Each structure stands twice: as C-alpha cells, then as structure tokens.
Amino acid sequence: MLKENICYFKHSLKNSDVRLNLSNTLGLLAITRNANEKPNELMKKNQELLDLITTYKTLRSIDKRNNDINKVIDKIINITIHCSNNIHLNYSPFYTYLNVLNYSYCDFKKDLKKLKDDEKRELLKCICDAYIDNRHNVYNSHGYSNSMLQIRADDSTSRTNSITANKQIESLIEPYKIKITKSYNDFVECNKACIWPDRGNEDIFDKWLDENHIDYRFNQGKRPDCLIKFNDKYLMIEHKIVNSGGGHQNEQINETIDFINRSIGKNIYLISCLAGDYFNKFNCDSMNISNKIEKQKDEIVKSLKNNMNSYYLNGEGLKQLFKDLFD
C-alpha cells in the first residue's frame, strides 16, 4: 500500500542512490575482444574510411583537379549514407572530428542525403582537408588503433541517459512480473503492464489519453518515460539521471518539478524520479544549501502538498514505492 508522497521524498533524502551502476559493466563492446579475431563491421568500415582518406591526401598533394579525387570522395559519401546506424560508424575518429567543427554526425548524414552531388563533394572535401591537416597526420604519427573506437563508445554511454533511465525502471519492475506491452489492447487488458511512451509506444499512450479523456499537457507535448498500469492505478513516470549542476541540468530539474505540479486524474500518479548525485543537494543543511537548490526543494515540497497523487524521489525512493505498491 502506498504511503503519503512526502514519505518517499524523505526516504530518498535519507537513502542516496548508489553512484556506480554495476548492472552492465561491459557496456557496448564496439570492437573485438582480441586483436587477432576477425574484425567486425565497424572495424572494417573504419579502416576502409581511413584508407580512403589517405588516398585522398595523396591525390590532393599531386593535383587537386585530379578526377580520381571525386571517385574517392564519392566512396566516402556512399559509406556514410548507407552504413547502418547499428554499426556505429560515428565512433570513427573521422566522424568524431565533426564535433570540433560544430557539426553533428546526424546532421552530416542528413545533409549528404539532401544536397546535390557537387555540393556533397565540396562539403566532404572541406571536412577531409581540415581532418587531414589537424588530426589525420597527428594520428598517423602516434598510430591509429581500434581502441579509439571503443573509447568513443564508452564516452557515448554517458550521453544515453534516457535509455539508461528506462533500463533502470525496467530492472526495478522486473521482480514484480509487470508485462512490457506493445499493443493498446494488451496494455489495457493486463492487470500489470508497462509501456514506454517516449520510446516507441507513442501511439498506445496517445490512444490511452483519448480513451480516458485525459488532458495531458506537459513541456510542449513531451511524453513521460514510462506508464505502468497496476489494476485500476496508473503510474506516469518521468525519470532523469543528473549527476552535476549547470544550465542544462537546471532545466532538467525544473522539468521534473513541473511534471508533478498538477493533478490529471484520481487513479493517475505522477512520479518524478531524479536519479544520480544531484538529488543529494536537497539534503544539505540550511547553512550550506544554495539559494537555487533551496528554492527547488521548496517547490518540490509545495507541489507534493498540493497534489497528493504526485511523487518526487530518487532511485531508492522509486524502489521503495514499487515495493509498497506491488508486494
């Protein structure tokens, strides 16, 4: 049975989340475990790409008007456009360099698909010239290594917080045999079911809102991370992982507070889960707490008092709430 919402906020203040996430210590293994193994698709594509860049460099030094240059550039364009996202070619040092040019790999691929052939070539030549002059020669001097791909993969892990957040929720509900559903009928007919409204189940969520005449207005239509059905109760969860301060982090915190600052139905519970170190800032005494943090904490407590179906907690608090509800 659920306790009052303030109880879970206090429980979260007393019980910090574990900083280390040891549920998946391997992460994404982007390269083979052993250098003697047959190279995977990422390693092969990356080597092909680097060979083409070396060829372009050689041809450029001979004659920039050489017709073979366009053939090389076209091959690089073809690799970029047609390489599946599952191969993670964006981990290649060449594409990582796009960040230095304030250009994302995603935008680069989009531009290559919509530009005319001559425009594509000119764009890629410009990027290749900058990469060769500022990185390729440096990497050749030190020696290229497939380890660079794995380092990039590990670094990208910290940028996938929304996916990691969903995995955390999934691991917490697993002991309670809550079914992760993929159709509207399956969701409404199960006593214990779950959907991911912000990651693939948008249509199910939107239909659920319409069928139940729910006026859901949040952050320009952003859907919650998770919706759990338990008998006649619905838990709408916004989950974020924040480990430090800063402008973007403040926006995330304010978003989680705004999420619980309303009521949208008798049996609908709005839950903001703020996992990570930032939650610990709310636990500072009055002498050490900053004005910004104190204001955020006051807004949270005020929202909890005004909306009894709203909850604000960390990962440990969410774990306790699930235990009280599902056990």
C-alpha atoms as a PDB file:
ATOM      1  CA  MET A   1       0.000   0.000   0.000  1.00  0.00           C
ATOM      2  CA  LEU A   2       1.303   3.421  -0.944  1.00  0.00           C
ATOM      3  CA  LYS A   3       2.341   5.847   1.775  1.00  0.00           C
ATOM      4  CA  GLU A   4       1.899   9.609   1.624  1.00  0.00           C
ATOM      5  CA  ASN A   5       4.014  11.195  -1.077  1.00  0.00           C
ATOM      6  CA  ILE A   6       6.160  13.175   1.368  1.00  0.00           C
ATOM      7  CA  CYS A   7       7.305   9.879   2.939  1.00  0.00           C
ATOM      8  CA  TYR A   8       9.031   8.826  -0.274  1.00  0.00           C
ATOM      9  CA  PHE A   9      10.697  12.214  -0.623  1.00  0.00           C
ATOM     10  CA  LYS A  10      12.074  11.900   2.926  1.00  0.00           C
ATOM     11  CA  HIS A  11      13.081   8.281   2.259  1.00  0.00           C
ATOM     12  CA  SER A  12      15.027   9.470  -0.781  1.00  0.00           C
ATOM     13  CA  LEU A  13      16.788  12.163   1.242  1.00  0.00           C
ATOM     14  CA  LYS A  14      17.939   9.523   3.739  1.00  0.00           C
ATOM     15  CA  ASN A  15      18.934   6.920   1.147  1.00  0.00           C
ATOM     16  CA  SER A  16      21.284   8.072  -1.590  1.00  0.00           C
ATOM     17  CA  ASP A  17      21.435   6.289  -4.912  1.00  0.00           C
ATOM     18  CA  VAL A  18      24.426   4.047  -5.492  1.00  0.00           C
ATOM     19  CA  ARG A  19      26.758   6.038  -7.706  1.00  0.00           C
ATOM     20  CA  LEU A  20      28.279   3.070  -9.508  1.00  0.00           C
ATOM     21  CA  ASN A  21      25.987   1.221 -11.904  1.00  0.00           C
ATOM     22  CA  LEU A  22      27.304  -2.336 -11.904  1.00  0.00           C
ATOM     23  CA  SER A  23      24.307  -3.814 -13.724  1.00  0.00           C
ATOM     24  CA  ASN A  24      26.144  -3.663 -17.053  1.00  0.00           C
ATOM     25  CA  THR A  25      29.895  -3.386 -16.595  1.00  0.00           C
ATOM     26  CA  LEU A  26      30.625  -4.459 -20.170  1.00  0.00           C
ATOM     27  CA  GLY A  27      28.638  -1.708 -21.858  1.00  0.00           C
ATOM     28  CA  LEU A  28      28.719  -1.684 -25.649  1.00  0.00           C
ATOM     29  CA  LEU A  29      31.694  -3.651 -26.922  1.00  0.00           C
ATOM     30  CA  ALA A  30      32.341  -1.843 -30.210  1.00  0.00           C
ATOM     31  CA  ILE A  31      35.428  -3.857 -31.215  1.00  0.00           C
ATOM     32  CA  THR A  32      36.510  -7.494 -30.923  1.00  0.00           C
ATOM     33  CA  ARG A  33      37.874  -8.674 -27.600  1.00  0.00           C
ATOM     34  CA  ASN A  34      41.107  -9.806 -29.201  1.00  0.00           C
ATOM     35  CA  ALA A  35      43.076  -8.092 -31.950  1.00  0.00           C
ATOM     36  CA  ASN A  36      43.674 -11.483 -33.573  1.00  0.00           C
ATOM     37  CA  GLU A  37      39.947 -12.068 -34.096  1.00  0.00           C
ATOM     38  CA  LYS A  38      38.242 -11.371 -37.403  1.00  0.00           C
ATOM     39  CA  PRO A  39      37.369  -7.639 -37.464  1.00  0.00           C
ATOM     40  CA  ASN A  40      33.707  -6.711 -37.064  1.00  0.00           C
ATOM     41  CA  GLU A  41      31.795  -4.421 -39.426  1.00  0.00           C
ATOM     42  CA  LEU A  42      32.687  -1.233 -37.549  1.00  0.00           C
ATOM     43  CA  MET A  43      36.392  -2.046 -37.619  1.00  0.00           C
ATOM     44  CA  LYS A  44      36.266  -2.899 -41.338  1.00  0.00           C
ATOM     45  CA  LYS A  45      34.283   0.204 -42.297  1.00  0.00           C
ATOM     46  CA  ASN A  46      36.509   2.441 -40.201  1.00  0.00           C
ATOM     47  CA  GLN A  47      39.667   1.023 -41.838  1.00  0.00           C
ATOM     48  CA  GLU A  48      38.120   1.434 -45.294  1.00  0.00           C
ATOM     49  CA  LEU A  49      37.270   5.032 -44.433  1.00  0.00           C
ATOM     50  CA  LEU A  50      40.794   5.810 -43.183  1.00  0.00           C
ATOM     51  CA  ASP A  51      42.326   4.203 -46.290  1.00  0.00           C
ATOM     52  CA  LEU A  52      40.166   6.398 -48.497  1.00  0.00           C
ATOM     53  CA  ILE A  53      41.208   9.496 -46.544  1.00  0.00           C
ATOM     54  CA  THR A  54      44.862   8.531 -47.006  1.00  0.00           C
ATOM     55  CA  THR A  55      44.248   8.055 -50.728  1.00  0.00           C
ATOM     56  CA  TYR A  56      42.538  11.445 -50.911  1.00  0.00           C
ATOM     57  CA  LYS A  57      45.509  13.025 -49.151  1.00  0.00           C
ATOM     58  CA  THR A  58      47.916  11.507 -51.688  1.00  0.00           C
ATOM     59  CA  LEU A  59      45.839  12.559 -54.700  1.00  0.00           C
ATOM     60  CA  ARG A  60      45.374  16.041 -53.262  1.00  0.00           C
ATOM     61  CA  SER A  61      49.120  16.506 -52.997  1.00  0.00           C
ATOM     62  CA  ILE A  62      49.561  15.584 -56.674  1.00  0.00           C
ATOM     63  CA  ASP A  63      46.743  17.584 -58.265  1.00  0.00           C
ATOM     64  CA  LYS A  64      43.570  18.888 -56.635  1.00  0.00           C
ATOM     65  CA  ARG A  65      41.838  18.720 -60.031  1.00  0.00           C
ATOM     66  CA  ASN A  66      42.544  15.007 -60.362  1.00  0.00           C
ATOM     67  CA  ASN A  67      39.317  13.229 -61.433  1.00  0.00           C
ATOM     68  CA  ASP A  68      40.145  10.308 -59.175  1.00  0.00           C
ATOM     69  CA  ILE A  69      39.623  12.591 -56.177  1.00  0.00           C
ATOM     70  CA  ASN A  70      35.871  12.724 -56.836  1.00  0.00           C
ATOM     71  CA  LYS A  71      35.773   8.924 -57.055  1.00  0.00           C
ATOM     72  CA  VAL A  72      37.357   8.693 -53.600  1.00  0.00           C
ATOM     73  CA  ILE A  73      35.027  11.333 -52.166  1.00  0.00           C
ATOM     74  CA  ASP A  74      32.002   9.536 -53.666  1.00  0.00           C
ATOM     75  CA  LYS A  75      33.067   6.322 -51.947  1.00  0.00           C
ATOM     76  CA  ILE A  76      33.275   8.115 -48.586  1.00  0.00           C
ATOM     77  CA  ILE A  77      29.822   9.623 -49.203  1.00  0.00           C
ATOM     78  CA  ASN A  78      28.456   6.190 -50.077  1.00  0.00           C
ATOM     79  CA  ILE A  79      29.867   4.656 -46.876  1.00  0.00           C
ATOM     80  CA  THR A  80      28.404   7.481 -44.770  1.00  0.00           C
ATOM     81  CA  ILE A  81      24.921   7.399 -46.265  1.00  0.00           C
ATOM     82  CA  HIS A  82      24.422   3.644 -46.491  1.00  0.00           C
ATOM     83  CA  CYS A  83      26.149   2.451 -43.323  1.00  0.00           C
ATOM     84  CA  SER A  84      23.574   1.208 -40.809  1.00  0.00           C
ATOM     85  CA  ASN A  85      23.309   3.090 -37.510  1.00  0.00           C
ATOM     86  CA  ASN A  86      23.742  -0.257 -35.734  1.00  0.00           C
ATOM     87  CA  ILE A  87      27.356  -0.367 -36.920  1.00  0.00           C
ATOM     88  CA  HIS A  88      28.095   2.881 -35.008  1.00  0.00           C
ATOM     89  CA  LEU A  89      30.367   4.373 -37.651  1.00  0.00           C
ATOM     90  CA  ASN A  90      30.009   7.681 -35.801  1.00  0.00           C
ATOM     91  CA  TYR A  91      32.642   6.273 -33.397  1.00  0.00           C
ATOM     92  CA  SER A  92      35.242   6.607 -36.149  1.00  0.00           C
ATOM     93  CA  PRO A  93      37.825   9.311 -35.347  1.00  0.00           C
ATOM     94  CA  PHE A  94      36.966  10.986 -38.661  1.00  0.00           C
ATOM     95  CA  TYR A  95      33.316  11.482 -37.698  1.00  0.00           C
ATOM     96  CA  THR A  96      34.200  12.314 -34.106  1.00  0.00           C
ATOM     97  CA  TYR A  97      36.182  15.237 -35.511  1.00  0.00           C
ATOM     98  CA  LEU A  98      32.899  16.732 -36.774  1.00  0.00           C
ATOM     99  CA  ASN A  99      32.279  17.872 -33.172  1.00  0.00           C
ATOM    100  CA  VAL A 100      35.287  20.178 -33.465  1.00  0.00           C
ATOM    101  CA  LEU A 101      33.592  21.769 -36.488  1.00  0.00           C
ATOM    102  CA  ASN A 102      30.357  22.205 -34.517  1.00  0.00           C
ATOM    103  CA  TYR A 103      28.721  19.677 -36.812  1.00  0.00           C
ATOM    104  CA  SER A 104      26.954  16.511 -35.638  1.00  0.00           C
ATOM    105  CA  TYR A 105      27.240  13.149 -37.392  1.00  0.00           C
ATOM    106  CA  CYS A 106      23.443  13.000 -37.607  1.00  0.00           C
ATOM    107  CA  ASP A 107      23.188  16.389 -39.330  1.00  0.00           C
ATOM    108  CA  PHE A 108      26.082  15.460 -41.607  1.00  0.00           C
ATOM    109  CA  LYS A 109      24.248  12.338 -42.837  1.00  0.00           C
ATOM    110  CA  LYS A 110      21.043  14.309 -43.366  1.00  0.00           C
ATOM    111  CA  ASP A 111      22.865  16.949 -45.406  1.00  0.00           C
ATOM    112  CA  LEU A 112      24.557  14.352 -47.582  1.00  0.00           C
ATOM    113  CA  LYS A 113      21.164  12.882 -48.439  1.00  0.00           C
ATOM    114  CA  LYS A 114      19.583  16.159 -49.500  1.00  0.00           C
ATOM    115  CA  LEU A 115      22.475  18.072 -51.133  1.00  0.00           C
ATOM    116  CA  LYS A 116      23.269  17.920 -54.839  1.00  0.00           C
ATOM    117  CA  ASP A 117      26.232  15.761 -55.870  1.00  0.00           C
ATOM    118  CA  ASP A 118      28.625  18.663 -56.384  1.00  0.00           C
ATOM    119  CA  GLU A 119      27.594  20.203 -53.048  1.00  0.00           C
ATOM    120  CA  LYS A 120      28.165  16.892 -51.256  1.00  0.00           C
ATOM    121  CA  ARG A 121      31.660  16.633 -52.712  1.00  0.00           C
ATOM    122  CA  GLU A 122      32.608  20.174 -51.787  1.00  0.00           C
ATOM    123  CA  LEU A 123      31.335  19.712 -48.248  1.00  0.00           C
ATOM    124  CA  LEU A 124      33.249  16.471 -47.770  1.00  0.00           C
ATOM    125  CA  LYS A 125      36.433  17.832 -49.326  1.00  0.00           C
ATOM    126  CA  CYS A 126      36.319  20.745 -46.898  1.00  0.00           C
ATOM    127  CA  ILE A 127      35.914  18.360 -43.930  1.00  0.00           C
ATOM    128  CA  CYS A 128      38.607  15.987 -45.205  1.00  0.00           C
ATOM    129  CA  ASP A 129      41.070  18.832 -45.694  1.00  0.00           C
ATOM    130  CA  ALA A 130      40.534  20.047 -42.127  1.00  0.00           C
ATOM    131  CA  TYR A 131      40.722  16.498 -40.724  1.00  0.00           C
ATOM    132  CA  ILE A 132      43.929  15.638 -42.590  1.00  0.00           C
ATOM    133  CA  ASP A 133      45.674  18.854 -41.584  1.00  0.00           C
ATOM    134  CA  ASN A 134      44.607  18.789 -37.932  1.00  0.00           C
ATOM    135  CA  ARG A 135      44.070  15.136 -36.966  1.00  0.00           C
ATOM    136  CA  HIS A 136      44.972  12.526 -39.597  1.00  0.00           C
ATOM    137  CA  ASN A 137      48.651  13.432 -39.654  1.00  0.00           C
ATOM    138  CA  VAL A 138      48.743  13.554 -35.854  1.00  0.00           C
ATOM    139  CA  TYR A 139      47.060  10.140 -35.516  1.00  0.00           C
ATOM    140  CA  ASN A 140      49.363   8.630 -38.136  1.00  0.00           C
ATOM    141  CA  SER A 141      52.344   9.920 -36.192  1.00  0.00           C
ATOM    142  CA  HIS A 142      51.153   8.241 -32.983  1.00  0.00           C
ATOM    143  CA  GLY A 143      49.498   5.295 -34.693  1.00  0.00           C
ATOM    144  CA  TYR A 144      45.821   4.679 -35.342  1.00  0.00           C
ATOM    145  CA  SER A 145      44.255   1.981 -33.162  1.00  0.00           C
ATOM    146  CA  ASN A 146      40.859   0.290 -32.969  1.00  0.00           C
ATOM    147  CA  SER A 147      40.955   1.168 -29.275  1.00  0.00           C
ATOM    148  CA  MET A 148      39.919   4.646 -30.360  1.00  0.00           C
ATOM    149  CA  LEU A 149      36.550   3.197 -31.424  1.00  0.00           C
ATOM    150  CA  GLN A 150      35.984   1.599 -28.024  1.00  0.00           C
ATOM    151  CA  ILE A 151      36.982   4.764 -26.158  1.00  0.00           C
ATOM    152  CA  ARG A 152      34.420   6.700 -28.186  1.00  0.00           C
ATOM    153  CA  ALA A 153      31.776   4.042 -27.478  1.00  0.00           C
ATOM    154  CA  ASP A 154      32.415   4.257 -23.730  1.00  0.00           C
ATOM    155  CA  ASP A 155      32.258   8.041 -23.804  1.00  0.00           C
ATOM    156  CA  SER A 156      28.939   7.911 -25.641  1.00  0.00           C
ATOM    157  CA  THR A 157      27.448   5.741 -22.900  1.00  0.00           C
ATOM    158  CA  SER A 158      27.192   8.749 -20.576  1.00  0.00           C
ATOM    159  CA  ARG A 159      25.211  10.587 -23.250  1.00  0.00           C
ATOM    160  CA  THR A 160      22.425   7.992 -23.405  1.00  0.00           C
ATOM    161  CA  ASN A 161      20.827   8.791 -20.057  1.00  0.00           C
ATOM    162  CA  SER A 162      17.258   8.465 -21.299  1.00  0.00           C
ATOM    163  CA  ILE A 163      17.897   4.910 -22.465  1.00  0.00           C
ATOM    164  CA  THR A 164      19.766   4.113 -19.237  1.00  0.00           C
ATOM    165  CA  ALA A 165      16.866   5.559 -17.233  1.00  0.00           C
ATOM    166  CA  ASN A 166      14.420   3.237 -18.960  1.00  0.00           C
ATOM    167  CA  LYS A 167      16.693   0.291 -18.232  1.00  0.00           C
ATOM    168  CA  GLN A 168      16.765   1.266 -14.557  1.00  0.00           C
ATOM    169  CA  ILE A 169      12.972   1.324 -14.407  1.00  0.00           C
ATOM    170  CA  GLU A 170      12.845  -1.997 -16.242  1.00  0.00           C
ATOM    171  CA  SER A 171      15.222  -3.595 -13.730  1.00  0.00           C
ATOM    172  CA  LEU A 172      13.139  -2.283 -10.796  1.00  0.00           C
ATOM    173  CA  ILE A 173       9.829  -3.654 -12.105  1.00  0.00           C
ATOM    174  CA  GLU A 174      11.257  -6.998 -13.257  1.00  0.00           C
ATOM    175  CA  PRO A 175      10.732  -8.795  -9.899  1.00  0.00           C
ATOM    176  CA  TYR A 176       7.017  -7.912  -9.969  1.00  0.00           C
ATOM    177  CA  LYS A 177       6.337  -9.592 -13.340  1.00  0.00           C
ATOM    178  CA  ILE A 178       4.981  -6.463 -14.976  1.00  0.00           C
ATOM    179  CA  LYS A 179       4.426  -7.138 -18.659  1.00  0.00           C
ATOM    180  CA  ILE A 180       6.050  -4.772 -21.144  1.00  0.00           C
ATOM    181  CA  THR A 181       3.324  -4.495 -23.768  1.00  0.00           C
ATOM    182  CA  LYS A 182       3.416  -3.474 -27.424  1.00  0.00           C
ATOM    183  CA  SER A 183      -0.277  -3.009 -28.227  1.00  0.00           C
ATOM    184  CA  TYR A 184      -3.089  -0.920 -26.769  1.00  0.00           C
ATOM    185  CA  ASN A 185      -5.395  -3.885 -26.132  1.00  0.00           C
ATOM    186  CA  ASP A 186      -2.627  -5.818 -24.416  1.00  0.00           C
ATOM    187  CA  PHE A 187      -1.884  -2.834 -22.196  1.00  0.00           C
ATOM    188  CA  VAL A 188      -5.465  -2.176 -21.037  1.00  0.00           C
ATOM    189  CA  GLU A 189      -6.359  -5.861 -20.601  1.00  0.00           C
ATOM    190  CA  CYS A 190      -3.373  -6.743 -18.383  1.00  0.00           C
ATOM    191  CA  ASN A 191      -3.560  -6.115 -14.642  1.00  0.00           C
ATOM    192  CA  LYS A 192       0.161  -5.340 -14.537  1.00  0.00           C
ATOM    193  CA  ALA A 193       1.521  -3.744 -17.700  1.00  0.00           C
ATOM    194  CA  CYS A 194       4.047  -1.177 -18.861  1.00  0.00           C
ATOM    195  CA  ILE A 195       4.698   0.945 -21.956  1.00  0.00           C
ATOM    196  CA  TRP A 196       7.432   3.431 -22.923  1.00  0.00           C
ATOM    197  CA  PRO A 197       5.504   6.465 -24.249  1.00  0.00           C
ATOM    198  CA  ASP A 198       8.635   8.377 -25.218  1.00  0.00           C
ATOM    199  CA  ARG A 199      10.371   5.447 -26.924  1.00  0.00           C
ATOM    200  CA  GLY A 200       8.249   3.525 -29.366  1.00  0.00           C
ATOM    201  CA  ASN A 201       4.834   3.378 -27.667  1.00  0.00           C
ATOM    202  CA  GLU A 202       3.666   6.885 -28.570  1.00  0.00           C
ATOM    203  CA  ASP A 203       0.503   5.666 -30.316  1.00  0.00           C
ATOM    204  CA  ILE A 204      -0.528   3.481 -27.366  1.00  0.00           C
ATOM    205  CA  PHE A 205      -0.036   6.332 -24.931  1.00  0.00           C
ATOM    206  CA  ASP A 206      -1.919   8.854 -27.067  1.00  0.00           C
ATOM    207  CA  LYS A 207      -4.837   6.446 -27.509  1.00  0.00           C
ATOM    208  CA  TRP A 208      -4.906   5.813 -23.760  1.00  0.00           C
ATOM    209  CA  LEU A 209      -5.143   9.576 -23.170  1.00  0.00           C
ATOM    210  CA  ASP A 210      -8.008   9.904 -25.683  1.00  0.00           C
ATOM    211  CA  GLU A 211      -9.946   6.880 -24.428  1.00  0.00           C
ATOM    212  CA  ASN A 212      -9.766   8.125 -20.829  1.00  0.00           C
ATOM    213  CA  HIS A 213     -10.347  11.815 -21.694  1.00  0.00           C
ATOM    214  CA  ILE A 214      -7.118  12.836 -20.003  1.00  0.00           C
ATOM    215  CA  ASP A 215      -5.932  16.379 -20.515  1.00  0.00           C
ATOM    216  CA  TYR A 216      -2.183  15.807 -20.626  1.00  0.00           C
ATOM    217  CA  ARG A 217      -0.197  18.993 -21.106  1.00  0.00           C
ATOM    218  CA  PHE A 218       3.480  18.877 -20.275  1.00  0.00           C
ATOM    219  CA  ASN A 219       6.541  20.539 -21.761  1.00  0.00           C
ATOM    220  CA  GLN A 220       5.147  21.137 -25.251  1.00  0.00           C
ATOM    221  CA  GLY A 221       3.701  17.661 -25.530  1.00  0.00           C
ATOM    222  CA  LYS A 222       6.725  15.673 -24.293  1.00  0.00           C
ATOM    223  CA  ARG A 223       5.539  12.238 -23.261  1.00  0.00           C
ATOM    224  CA  PRO A 224       6.641  10.638 -19.982  1.00  0.00           C
ATOM    225  CA  ASP A 225       9.344   7.984 -19.970  1.00  0.00           C
ATOM    226  CA  CYS A 226       7.133   5.233 -18.596  1.00  0.00           C
ATOM    227  CA  LEU A 227       3.479   4.395 -17.927  1.00  0.00           C
ATOM    228  CA  ILE A 228       2.699   1.475 -15.625  1.00  0.00           C
ATOM    229  CA  LYS A 229      -0.769   0.010 -15.150  1.00  0.00           C
ATOM    230  CA  PHE A 230      -1.485  -1.824 -11.891  1.00  0.00           C
ATOM    231  CA  ASN A 231      -5.123  -2.906 -11.626  1.00  0.00           C
ATOM    232  CA  ASP A 232      -7.017   0.416 -11.683  1.00  0.00           C
ATOM    233  CA  LYS A 233      -3.951   2.561 -10.925  1.00  0.00           C
ATOM    234  CA  TYR A 234      -1.633   4.215 -13.439  1.00  0.00           C
ATOM    235  CA  LEU A 235       1.896   5.389 -12.664  1.00  0.00           C
ATOM    236  CA  MET A 236       3.189   8.030 -15.055  1.00  0.00           C
ATOM    237  CA  ILE A 237       6.952   8.278 -14.569  1.00  0.00           C
ATOM    238  CA  GLU A 238       9.411  10.939 -15.678  1.00  0.00           C
ATOM    239  CA  HIS A 239      12.906   9.610 -14.992  1.00  0.00           C
ATOM    240  CA  LYS A 240      16.137  11.569 -15.269  1.00  0.00           C
ATOM    241  CA  ILE A 241      19.724  10.872 -14.273  1.00  0.00           C
ATOM    242  CA  VAL A 242      21.551  14.034 -13.215  1.00  0.00           C
ATOM    243  CA  ASN A 243      24.984  13.967 -11.580  1.00  0.00           C
ATOM    244  CA  SER A 244      26.062  17.611 -11.647  1.00  0.00           C
ATOM    245  CA  GLY A 245      24.888  21.195 -11.858  1.00  0.00           C
ATOM    246  CA  GLY A 246      24.833  23.622 -14.768  1.00  0.00           C
ATOM    247  CA  GLY A 247      22.423  25.316 -17.151  1.00  0.00           C
ATOM    248  CA  HIS A 248      21.141  22.193 -18.907  1.00  0.00           C
ATOM    249  CA  GLN A 249      20.915  20.285 -15.628  1.00  0.00           C
ATOM    250  CA  ASN A 250      18.860  23.077 -14.072  1.00  0.00           C
ATOM    251  CA  GLU A 251      16.413  22.828 -16.955  1.00  0.00           C
ATOM    252  CA  GLN A 252      16.102  19.094 -16.314  1.00  0.00           C
ATOM    253  CA  ILE A 253      15.443  19.620 -12.607  1.00  0.00           C
ATOM    254  CA  ASN A 254      12.813  22.269 -13.294  1.00  0.00           C
ATOM    255  CA  GLU A 255      11.196  19.898 -15.778  1.00  0.00           C
ATOM    256  CA  THR A 256      10.898  17.143 -13.167  1.00  0.00           C
ATOM    257  CA  ILE A 257       9.347  19.602 -10.707  1.00  0.00           C
ATOM    258  CA  ASP A 258       6.901  20.909 -13.301  1.00  0.00           C
ATOM    259  CA  PHE A 259       5.879  17.323 -14.101  1.00  0.00           C
ATOM    260  CA  ILE A 260       4.417  16.725 -10.613  1.00  0.00           C
ATOM    261  CA  ASN A 261       2.934  20.185 -10.161  1.00  0.00           C
ATOM    262  CA  ARG A 262      -0.596  19.180 -11.248  1.00  0.00           C
ATOM    263  CA  SER A 263      -3.259  16.543 -10.983  1.00  0.00           C
ATOM    264  CA  ILE A 264      -4.735  14.809 -14.041  1.00  0.00           C
ATOM    265  CA  GLY A 265      -6.885  12.010 -12.611  1.00  0.00           C
ATOM    266  CA  LYS A 266      -7.988  10.239  -9.441  1.00  0.00           C
ATOM    267  CA  ASN A 267      -6.145   6.993 -10.167  1.00  0.00           C
ATOM    268  CA  ILE A 268      -3.211   8.517 -12.039  1.00  0.00           C
ATOM    269  CA  TYR A 269       0.007   9.026 -10.091  1.00  0.00           C
ATOM    270  CA  LEU A 270       2.667  11.412 -11.396  1.00  0.00           C
ATOM    271  CA  ILE A 271       6.165  10.354 -10.389  1.00  0.00           C
ATOM    272  CA  SER A 272       9.365  12.291 -10.978  1.00  0.00           C
ATOM    273  CA  CYS A 273      12.420  10.144 -10.354  1.00  0.00           C
ATOM    274  CA  LEU A 274      15.637  12.114 -10.147  1.00  0.00           C
ATOM    275  CA  ALA A 275      18.417   9.552 -10.030  1.00  0.00           C
ATOM    276  CA  GLY A 276      22.052  10.495  -9.595  1.00  0.00           C
ATOM    277  CA  ASP A 277      24.081  12.751  -7.331  1.00  0.00           C
ATOM    278  CA  TYR A 278      22.068  15.933  -7.833  1.00  0.00           C
ATOM    279  CA  PHE A 279      19.295  14.718  -5.514  1.00  0.00           C
ATOM    280  CA  ASN A 280      21.786  14.707  -2.626  1.00  0.00           C
ATOM    281  CA  LYS A 281      21.974  18.502  -2.848  1.00  0.00           C
ATOM    282  CA  PHE A 282      18.447  18.674  -1.389  1.00  0.00           C
ATOM    283  CA  ASN A 283      19.808  17.030   1.755  1.00  0.00           C
ATOM    284  CA  CYS A 284      22.177  19.881   2.676  1.00  0.00           C
ATOM    285  CA  ASP A 285      21.508  21.749   5.897  1.00  0.00           C
ATOM    286  CA  SER A 286      20.188  25.297   5.744  1.00  0.00           C
ATOM    287  CA  MET A 287      23.667  26.764   6.228  1.00  0.00           C
ATOM    288  CA  ASN A 288      25.198  25.015   3.195  1.00  0.00           C
ATOM    289  CA  ILE A 289      22.313  24.823   0.741  1.00  0.00           C
ATOM    290  CA  SER A 290      22.415  27.313  -2.135  1.00  0.00           C
ATOM    291  CA  ASN A 291      19.532  29.656  -2.869  1.00  0.00           C
ATOM    292  CA  LYS A 292      18.801  27.853  -6.133  1.00  0.00           C
ATOM    293  CA  ILE A 293      18.685  24.399  -4.511  1.00  0.00           C
ATOM    294  CA  GLU A 294      16.621  25.687  -1.582  1.00  0.00           C
ATOM    295  CA  LYS A 295      14.104  27.207  -3.990  1.00  0.00           C
ATOM    296  CA  GLN A 296      13.868  23.943  -5.948  1.00  0.00           C
ATOM    297  CA  LYS A 297      13.367  21.963  -2.746  1.00  0.00           C
ATOM    298  CA  ASP A 298      10.646  24.350  -1.573  1.00  0.00           C
ATOM    299  CA  GLU A 299       8.865  23.991  -4.917  1.00  0.00           C
ATOM    300  CA  ILE A 300       9.014  20.204  -4.650  1.00  0.00           C
ATOM    301  CA  VAL A 301       7.541  20.153  -1.129  1.00  0.00           C
ATOM    302  CA  LYS A 302       4.846  22.641  -2.148  1.00  0.00           C
ATOM    303  CA  SER A 303       3.900  20.509  -5.171  1.00  0.00           C
ATOM    304  CA  LEU A 304       3.689  17.387  -3.008  1.00  0.00           C
ATOM    305  CA  LYS A 305       1.387  19.133  -0.530  1.00  0.00           C
ATOM    306  CA  ASN A 306      -0.897  20.465  -3.257  1.00  0.00           C
ATOM    307  CA  ASN A 307      -1.006  17.243  -5.305  1.00  0.00           C
ATOM    308  CA  MET A 308      -1.384  14.113  -3.200  1.00  0.00           C
ATOM    309  CA  ASN A 309      -1.015  11.837  -6.266  1.00  0.00           C
ATOM    310  CA  SER A 310       2.365  13.334  -7.115  1.00  0.00           C
ATOM    311  CA  TYR A 311       5.695  11.888  -6.000  1.00  0.00           C
ATOM    312  CA  TYR A 312       9.248  13.200  -6.134  1.00  0.00           C
ATOM    313  CA  LEU A 313      12.009  10.740  -5.323  1.00  0.00           C
ATOM    314  CA  ASN A 314      15.347   9.244  -6.302  1.00  0.00           C
ATOM    315  CA  GLY A 315      16.116   5.698  -7.461  1.00  0.00           C
ATOM    316  CA  GLU A 316      15.995   4.311  -3.923  1.00  0.00           C
ATOM    317  CA  GLY A 317      12.681   6.054  -3.322  1.00  0.00           C
ATOM    318  CA  LEU A 318      11.231   4.591  -6.527  1.00  0.00           C
ATOM    319  CA  LYS A 319      12.395   1.144  -5.454  1.00  0.00           C
ATOM    320  CA  GLN A 320      10.570   1.569  -2.114  1.00  0.00           C
ATOM    321  CA  LEU A 321       7.418   2.867  -3.814  1.00  0.00           C
ATOM    322  CA  PHE A 322       7.313  -0.185  -6.116  1.00  0.00           C
ATOM    323  CA  LYS A 323       7.827  -2.475  -3.123  1.00  0.00           C
ATOM    324  CA  ASP A 324       4.962  -0.872  -1.183  1.00  0.00           C
ATOM    325  CA  LEU A 325       2.626  -0.963  -4.176  1.00  0.00           C
ATOM    326  CA  PHE A 326       3.375  -4.310  -5.782  1.00  0.00           C
ATOM    327  CA  ASP A 327       4.280  -6.560  -2.814  1.00  0.00           C
END
